[in-house]
Amino acid sequence: MARKRAKKRGYFLAEARERMERKGTVGKFGRATASKIKRGLSKGGKEAKRAAFAKAMKTIAARRKKKSRTTTR
């Protein structure tokens, strides 16, 4: 089965969230702290995937927060 492609750039987060809701994995990783991400990445398997996703989301959120601060001033 072919994957659906996002029509516009920037909607991948919403699609990822929807996919996680369908699978029932929203919130399975818990609060994404640096130590928890590091521990999850070292475990491997599903835990590593969840940790990698959490790390990527934290990076994106930090970039967006930084960008919004510079545009409002």
PDB file of N, CA and C in Angstrom:
ATOM      1  N   MET A   1       0.836  -1.178   0.000  1.00  0.00           N
ATOM      2  CA  MET A   1       0.000   0.000   0.000  1.00  0.00           C
ATOM      3  C   MET A   1       0.883   1.244   0.000  1.00  0.00           C
ATOM      4  N   ALA A   2       0.594   2.143  -0.870  1.00  0.00           N
ATOM      5  CA  ALA A   2       1.393   3.359  -0.978  1.00  0.00           C
ATOM      6  C   ALA A   2       1.056   4.314   0.150  1.00  0.00           C
ATOM      7  N   ARG A   3       2.051   5.040   0.582  1.00  0.00           N
ATOM      8  CA  ARG A   3       1.831   6.037   1.629  1.00  0.00           C
ATOM      9  C   ARG A   3       1.153   7.260   1.044  1.00  0.00           C
ATOM     10  N   LYS A   4       0.343   7.906   1.876  1.00  0.00           N
ATOM     11  CA  LYS A   4      -0.260   9.160   1.448  1.00  0.00           C
ATOM     12  C   LYS A   4       0.791  10.259   1.571  1.00  0.00           C
ATOM     13  N   ARG A   5       0.844  11.128   0.633  1.00  0.00           N
ATOM     14  CA  ARG A   5       1.781  12.243   0.670  1.00  0.00           C
ATOM     15  C   ARG A   5       1.023  13.512   1.048  1.00  0.00           C
ATOM     16  N   ALA A   6       1.629  14.337   1.853  1.00  0.00           N
ATOM     17  CA  ALA A   6       1.019  15.604   2.247  1.00  0.00           C
ATOM     18  C   ALA A   6       0.960  16.526   1.037  1.00  0.00           C
ATOM     19  N   LYS A   7      -0.170  17.177   0.870  1.00  0.00           N
ATOM     20  CA  LYS A   7      -0.330  18.077  -0.267  1.00  0.00           C
ATOM     21  C   LYS A   7       0.487  19.348  -0.071  1.00  0.00           C
ATOM     22  N   LYS A   8       0.501  19.825   1.149  1.00  0.00           N
ATOM     23  CA  LYS A   8       1.245  21.049   1.433  1.00  0.00           C
ATOM     24  C   LYS A   8       2.285  20.757   2.495  1.00  0.00           C
ATOM     25  N   ARG A   9       3.373  21.453   2.427  1.00  0.00           N
ATOM     26  CA  ARG A   9       4.436  21.272   3.407  1.00  0.00           C
ATOM     27  C   ARG A   9       3.962  21.808   4.757  1.00  0.00           C
ATOM     28  N   GLY A  10       4.289  21.107   5.810  1.00  0.00           N
ATOM     29  CA  GLY A  10       3.945  21.576   7.144  1.00  0.00           C
ATOM     30  C   GLY A  10       2.832  20.795   7.813  1.00  0.00           C
ATOM     31  N   TYR A  11       2.179  19.889   7.092  1.00  0.00           N
ATOM     32  CA  TYR A  11       1.089  19.129   7.680  1.00  0.00           C
ATOM     33  C   TYR A  11       1.524  17.753   8.183  1.00  0.00           C
ATOM     34  N   PHE A  12       2.815  17.466   8.096  1.00  0.00           N
ATOM     35  CA  PHE A  12       3.276  16.143   8.499  1.00  0.00           C
ATOM     36  C   PHE A  12       3.063  15.892   9.983  1.00  0.00           C
ATOM     37  N   LEU A  13       3.095  16.936  10.799  1.00  0.00           N
ATOM     38  CA  LEU A  13       2.877  16.746  12.230  1.00  0.00           C
ATOM     39  C   LEU A  13       1.444  16.305  12.505  1.00  0.00           C
ATOM     40  N   ALA A  14       0.491  16.928  11.815  1.00  0.00           N
ATOM     41  CA  ALA A  14      -0.909  16.554  11.993  1.00  0.00           C
ATOM     42  C   ALA A  14      -1.136  15.121  11.528  1.00  0.00           C
ATOM     43  N   GLU A  15      -0.522  14.756  10.416  1.00  0.00           N
ATOM     44  CA  GLU A  15      -0.664  13.397   9.910  1.00  0.00           C
ATOM     45  C   GLU A  15      -0.024  12.387  10.855  1.00  0.00           C
ATOM     46  N   ALA A  16       1.119  12.740  11.420  1.00  0.00           N
ATOM     47  CA  ALA A  16       1.779  11.846  12.369  1.00  0.00           C
ATOM     48  C   ALA A  16       0.914  11.665  13.609  1.00  0.00           C
ATOM     49  N   ARG A  17       0.314  12.736  14.062  1.00  0.00           N
ATOM     50  CA  ARG A  17      -0.565  12.676  15.239  1.00  0.00           C
ATOM     51  C   ARG A  17      -1.779  11.782  14.960  1.00  0.00           C
ATOM     52  N   GLU A  18      -2.388  11.958  13.780  1.00  0.00           N
ATOM     53  CA  GLU A  18      -3.539  11.134  13.416  1.00  0.00           C
ATOM     54  C   GLU A  18      -3.155   9.650  13.357  1.00  0.00           C
ATOM     55  N   ARG A  19      -1.991   9.368  12.771  1.00  0.00           N
ATOM     56  CA  ARG A  19      -1.527   7.989  12.662  1.00  0.00           C
ATOM     57  C   ARG A  19      -1.286   7.397  14.064  1.00  0.00           C
ATOM     58  N   MET A  20      -0.737   8.201  14.959  1.00  0.00           N
ATOM     59  CA  MET A  20      -0.490   7.739  16.318  1.00  0.00           C
ATOM     60  C   MET A  20      -1.801   7.496  17.062  1.00  0.00           C
ATOM     61  N   GLU A  21      -2.808   8.343  16.816  1.00  0.00           N
ATOM     62  CA  GLU A  21      -4.107   8.154  17.452  1.00  0.00           C
ATOM     63  C   GLU A  21      -4.764   6.862  16.971  1.00  0.00           C
ATOM     64  N   ARG A  22      -4.633   6.573  15.672  1.00  0.00           N
ATOM     65  CA  ARG A  22      -5.204   5.336  15.128  1.00  0.00           C
ATOM     66  C   ARG A  22      -4.538   4.110  15.751  1.00  0.00           C
ATOM     67  N   LYS A  23      -3.222   4.194  15.946  1.00  0.00           N
ATOM     68  CA  LYS A  23      -2.474   3.068  16.505  1.00  0.00           C
ATOM     69  C   LYS A  23      -2.590   2.999  18.029  1.00  0.00           C
ATOM     70  N   GLY A  24      -3.036   4.081  18.646  1.00  0.00           N
ATOM     71  CA  GLY A  24      -3.153   4.107  20.100  1.00  0.00           C
ATOM     72  C   GLY A  24      -1.838   4.362  20.804  1.00  0.00           C
ATOM     73  N   THR A  25      -0.918   5.076  20.156  1.00  0.00           N
ATOM     74  CA  THR A  25       0.393   5.309  20.760  1.00  0.00           C
ATOM     75  C   THR A  25       0.611   6.748  21.210  1.00  0.00           C
ATOM     76  N   VAL A  26      -0.429   7.567  21.200  1.00  0.00           N
ATOM     77  CA  VAL A  26      -0.285   8.950  21.652  1.00  0.00           C
ATOM     78  C   VAL A  26      -0.043   8.933  23.155  1.00  0.00           C
ATOM     79  N   GLY A  27       1.031   9.558  23.587  1.00  0.00           N
ATOM     80  CA  GLY A  27       1.334   9.646  25.014  1.00  0.00           C
ATOM     81  C   GLY A  27       2.017   8.424  25.603  1.00  0.00           C
ATOM     82  N   LYS A  28       2.396   7.460  24.804  1.00  0.00           N
ATOM     83  CA  LYS A  28       3.036   6.248  25.326  1.00  0.00           C
ATOM     84  C   LYS A  28       4.441   6.532  25.845  1.00  0.00           C
ATOM     85  N   PHE A  29       5.096   7.521  25.289  1.00  0.00           N
ATOM     86  CA  PHE A  29       6.455   7.824  25.733  1.00  0.00           C
ATOM     87  C   PHE A  29       6.457   8.664  26.998  1.00  0.00           C
ATOM     88  N   GLY A  30       5.394   9.399  27.242  1.00  0.00           N
ATOM     89  CA  GLY A  30       5.312  10.236  28.435  1.00  0.00           C
ATOM     90  C   GLY A  30       6.001  11.577  28.233  1.00  0.00           C
ATOM     91  N   ARG A  31       6.357  12.223  29.316  1.00  0.00           N
ATOM     92  CA  ARG A  31       7.034  13.519  29.265  1.00  0.00           C
ATOM     93  C   ARG A  31       8.431  13.320  28.695  1.00  0.00           C
ATOM     94  N   ALA A  32       8.724  14.020  27.618  1.00  0.00           N
ATOM     95  CA  ALA A  32       9.991  13.811  26.895  1.00  0.00           C
ATOM     96  C   ALA A  32      11.102  14.672  27.483  1.00  0.00           C
ATOM     97  N   THR A  33      11.741  14.163  28.517  1.00  0.00           N
ATOM     98  CA  THR A  33      12.893  14.858  29.081  1.00  0.00           C
ATOM     99  C   THR A  33      14.155  14.354  28.384  1.00  0.00           C
ATOM    100  N   ALA A  34      15.230  15.088  28.515  1.00  0.00           N
ATOM    101  CA  ALA A  34      16.485  14.719  27.853  1.00  0.00           C
ATOM    102  C   ALA A  34      16.982  13.358  28.337  1.00  0.00           C
ATOM    103  N   SER A  35      16.899  13.110  29.639  1.00  0.00           N
ATOM    104  CA  SER A  35      17.386  11.831  30.169  1.00  0.00           C
ATOM    105  C   SER A  35      16.505  10.665  29.703  1.00  0.00           C
ATOM    106  N   LYS A  36      15.200  10.906  29.610  1.00  0.00           N
ATOM    107  CA  LYS A  36      14.289   9.856  29.163  1.00  0.00           C
ATOM    108  C   LYS A  36      14.515   9.531  27.683  1.00  0.00           C
ATOM    109  N   ILE A  37      14.778  10.552  26.884  1.00  0.00           N
ATOM    110  CA  ILE A  37      15.060  10.343  25.462  1.00  0.00           C
ATOM    111  C   ILE A  37      16.352   9.559  25.303  1.00  0.00           C
ATOM    112  N   LYS A  38      17.372   9.924  26.060  1.00  0.00           N
ATOM    113  CA  LYS A  38      18.663   9.230  25.982  1.00  0.00           C
ATOM    114  C   LYS A  38      18.512   7.759  26.370  1.00  0.00           C
ATOM    115  N   ARG A  39      17.773   7.496  27.422  1.00  0.00           N
ATOM    116  CA  ARG A  39      17.544   6.130  27.879  1.00  0.00           C
ATOM    117  C   ARG A  39      16.752   5.340  26.834  1.00  0.00           C
ATOM    118  N   GLY A  40      15.747   5.976  26.243  1.00  0.00           N
ATOM    119  CA  GLY A  40      14.932   5.315  25.229  1.00  0.00           C
ATOM    120  C   GLY A  40      15.714   4.977  23.976  1.00  0.00           C
ATOM    121  N   LEU A  41      16.596   5.881  23.562  1.00  0.00           N
ATOM    122  CA  LEU A  41      17.404   5.630  22.373  1.00  0.00           C
ATOM    123  C   LEU A  41      18.373   4.468  22.590  1.00  0.00           C
ATOM    124  N   SER A  42      18.838   4.302  23.809  1.00  0.00           N
ATOM    125  CA  SER A  42      19.793   3.217  24.079  1.00  0.00           C
ATOM    126  C   SER A  42      19.120   1.845  24.172  1.00  0.00           C
ATOM    127  N   LYS A  43      17.815   1.821  24.445  1.00  0.00           N
ATOM    128  CA  LYS A  43      17.113   0.544  24.587  1.00  0.00           C
ATOM    129  C   LYS A  43      16.913  -0.173  23.260  1.00  0.00           C
ATOM    130  N   GLY A  44      16.567   0.576  22.240  1.00  0.00           N
ATOM    131  CA  GLY A  44      16.302  -0.046  20.939  1.00  0.00           C
ATOM    132  C   GLY A  44      14.838  -0.421  20.779  1.00  0.00           C
ATOM    133  N   GLY A  45      14.481  -0.895  19.597  1.00  0.00           N
ATOM    134  CA  GLY A  45      13.111  -1.330  19.325  1.00  0.00           C
ATOM    135  C   GLY A  45      12.120  -0.185  19.289  1.00  0.00           C
ATOM    136  N   LYS A  46      10.901  -0.476  19.776  1.00  0.00           N
ATOM    137  CA  LYS A  46       9.830   0.524  19.770  1.00  0.00           C
ATOM    138  C   LYS A  46      10.181   1.731  20.638  1.00  0.00           C
ATOM    139  N   GLU A  47      10.831   1.455  21.742  1.00  0.00           N
ATOM    140  CA  GLU A  47      11.202   2.534  22.664  1.00  0.00           C
ATOM    141  C   GLU A  47      12.141   3.530  21.985  1.00  0.00           C
ATOM    142  N   ALA A  48      13.058   3.029  21.172  1.00  0.00           N
ATOM    143  CA  ALA A  48      13.994   3.897  20.462  1.00  0.00           C
ATOM    144  C   ALA A  48      13.270   4.729  19.408  1.00  0.00           C
ATOM    145  N   LYS A  49      12.299   4.116  18.737  1.00  0.00           N
ATOM    146  CA  LYS A  49      11.519   4.860  17.737  1.00  0.00           C
ATOM    147  C   LYS A  49      10.741   5.989  18.393  1.00  0.00           C
ATOM    148  N   ARG A  50      10.126   5.676  19.521  1.00  0.00           N
ATOM    149  CA  ARG A  50       9.362   6.701  20.235  1.00  0.00           C
ATOM    150  C   ARG A  50      10.279   7.811  20.747  1.00  0.00           C
ATOM    151  N   ALA A  51      11.449   7.430  21.227  1.00  0.00           N
ATOM    152  CA  ALA A  51      12.405   8.419  21.721  1.00  0.00           C
ATOM    153  C   ALA A  51      12.911   9.303  20.590  1.00  0.00           C
ATOM    154  N   ALA A  52      13.184   8.714  19.427  1.00  0.00           N
ATOM    155  CA  ALA A  52      13.647   9.491  18.275  1.00  0.00           C
ATOM    156  C   ALA A  52      12.571  10.473  17.828  1.00  0.00           C
ATOM    157  N   PHE A  53      11.321  10.019  17.838  1.00  0.00           N
ATOM    158  CA  PHE A  53      10.212  10.899  17.465  1.00  0.00           C
ATOM    159  C   PHE A  53      10.077  12.042  18.463  1.00  0.00           C
ATOM    160  N   ALA A  54      10.167  11.732  19.746  1.00  0.00           N
ATOM    161  CA  ALA A  54      10.065  12.759  20.782  1.00  0.00           C
ATOM    162  C   ALA A  54      11.192  13.777  20.650  1.00  0.00           C
ATOM    163  N   LYS A  55      12.388  13.303  20.355  1.00  0.00           N
ATOM    164  CA  LYS A  55      13.533  14.198  20.181  1.00  0.00           C
ATOM    165  C   LYS A  55      13.319  15.119  18.987  1.00  0.00           C
ATOM    166  N   ALA A  56      12.819  14.567  17.886  1.00  0.00           N
ATOM    167  CA  ALA A  56      12.551  15.373  16.692  1.00  0.00           C
ATOM    168  C   ALA A  56      11.472  16.426  16.963  1.00  0.00           C
ATOM    169  N   MET A  57      10.445  16.055  17.703  1.00  0.00           N
ATOM    170  CA  MET A  57       9.363  16.994  18.008  1.00  0.00           C
ATOM    171  C   MET A  57       9.852  18.113  18.926  1.00  0.00           C
ATOM    172  N   LYS A  58      10.723  17.772  19.867  1.00  0.00           N
ATOM    173  CA  LYS A  58      11.280  18.811  20.746  1.00  0.00           C
ATOM    174  C   LYS A  58      12.122  19.800  19.940  1.00  0.00           C
ATOM    175  N   THR A  59      12.876  19.287  18.961  1.00  0.00           N
ATOM    176  CA  THR A  59      13.702  20.147  18.111  1.00  0.00           C
ATOM    177  C   THR A  59      12.829  21.078  17.291  1.00  0.00           C
ATOM    178  N   ILE A  60      11.774  20.530  16.695  1.00  0.00           N
ATOM    179  CA  ILE A  60      10.859  21.333  15.881  1.00  0.00           C
ATOM    180  C   ILE A  60      10.174  22.388  16.741  1.00  0.00           C
ATOM    181  N   ALA A  61       9.724  21.997  17.932  1.00  0.00           N
ATOM    182  CA  ALA A  61       9.049  22.940  18.825  1.00  0.00           C
ATOM    183  C   ALA A  61       9.986  24.075  19.236  1.00  0.00           C
ATOM    184  N   ALA A  62      11.234  23.747  19.511  1.00  0.00           N
ATOM    185  CA  ALA A  62      12.201  24.776  19.906  1.00  0.00           C
ATOM    186  C   ALA A  62      12.447  25.753  18.757  1.00  0.00           C
ATOM    187  N   ARG A  63      12.555  25.212  17.529  1.00  0.00           N
ATOM    188  CA  ARG A  63      12.758  26.084  16.368  1.00  0.00           C
ATOM    189  C   ARG A  63      11.564  27.003  16.157  1.00  0.00           C
ATOM    190  N   ARG A  64      10.360  26.449  16.291  1.00  0.00           N
ATOM    191  CA  ARG A  64       9.144  27.255  16.108  1.00  0.00           C
ATOM    192  C   ARG A  64       9.042  28.332  17.184  1.00  0.00           C
ATOM    193  N   LYS A  65       9.394  27.969  18.412  1.00  0.00           N
ATOM    194  CA  LYS A  65       9.327  28.926  19.512  1.00  0.00           C
ATOM    195  C   LYS A  65      10.313  30.067  19.276  1.00  0.00           C
ATOM    196  N   LYS A  66      11.515  29.717  18.841  1.00  0.00           N
ATOM    197  CA  LYS A  66      12.534  30.720  18.562  1.00  0.00           C
ATOM    198  C   LYS A  66      12.096  31.623  17.414  1.00  0.00           C
ATOM    199  N   LYS A  67      11.513  31.039  16.396  1.00  0.00           N
ATOM    200  CA  LYS A  67      11.059  31.791  15.231  1.00  0.00           C
ATOM    201  C   LYS A  67       9.919  32.743  15.609  1.00  0.00           C
ATOM    202  N   SER A  68       8.989  32.283  16.440  1.00  0.00           N
ATOM    203  CA  SER A  68       7.869  33.126  16.826  1.00  0.00           C
ATOM    204  C   SER A  68       8.325  34.296  17.696  1.00  0.00           C
ATOM    205  N   ARG A  69       9.367  34.089  18.491  1.00  0.00           N
ATOM    206  CA  ARG A  69       9.892  35.182  19.313  1.00  0.00           C
ATOM    207  C   ARG A  69      10.491  36.281  18.454  1.00  0.00           C
ATOM    208  N   THR A  70      11.194  35.913  17.392  1.00  0.00           N
ATOM    209  CA  THR A  70      11.855  36.901  16.558  1.00  0.00           C
ATOM    210  C   THR A  70      10.874  37.641  15.661  1.00  0.00           C
ATOM    211  N   THR A  71       9.767  37.015  15.272  1.00  0.00           N
ATOM    212  CA  THR A  71       8.812  37.670  14.375  1.00  0.00           C
ATOM    213  C   THR A  71       7.866  38.599  15.111  1.00  0.00           C
ATOM    214  N   THR A  72       7.643  38.386  16.418  1.00  0.00           N
ATOM    215  CA  THR A  72       6.706  39.226  17.165  1.00  0.00           C
ATOM    216  C   THR A  72       7.358  40.510  17.670  1.00  0.00           C
ATOM    217  N   ARG A  73       8.661  40.540  17.730  1.00  0.00           N
ATOM    218  CA  ARG A  73       9.307  41.735  18.269  1.00  0.00           C
ATOM    219  C   ARG A  73       9.604  42.747  17.224  1.00  0.00           C
TER     220      ARG A  73
END
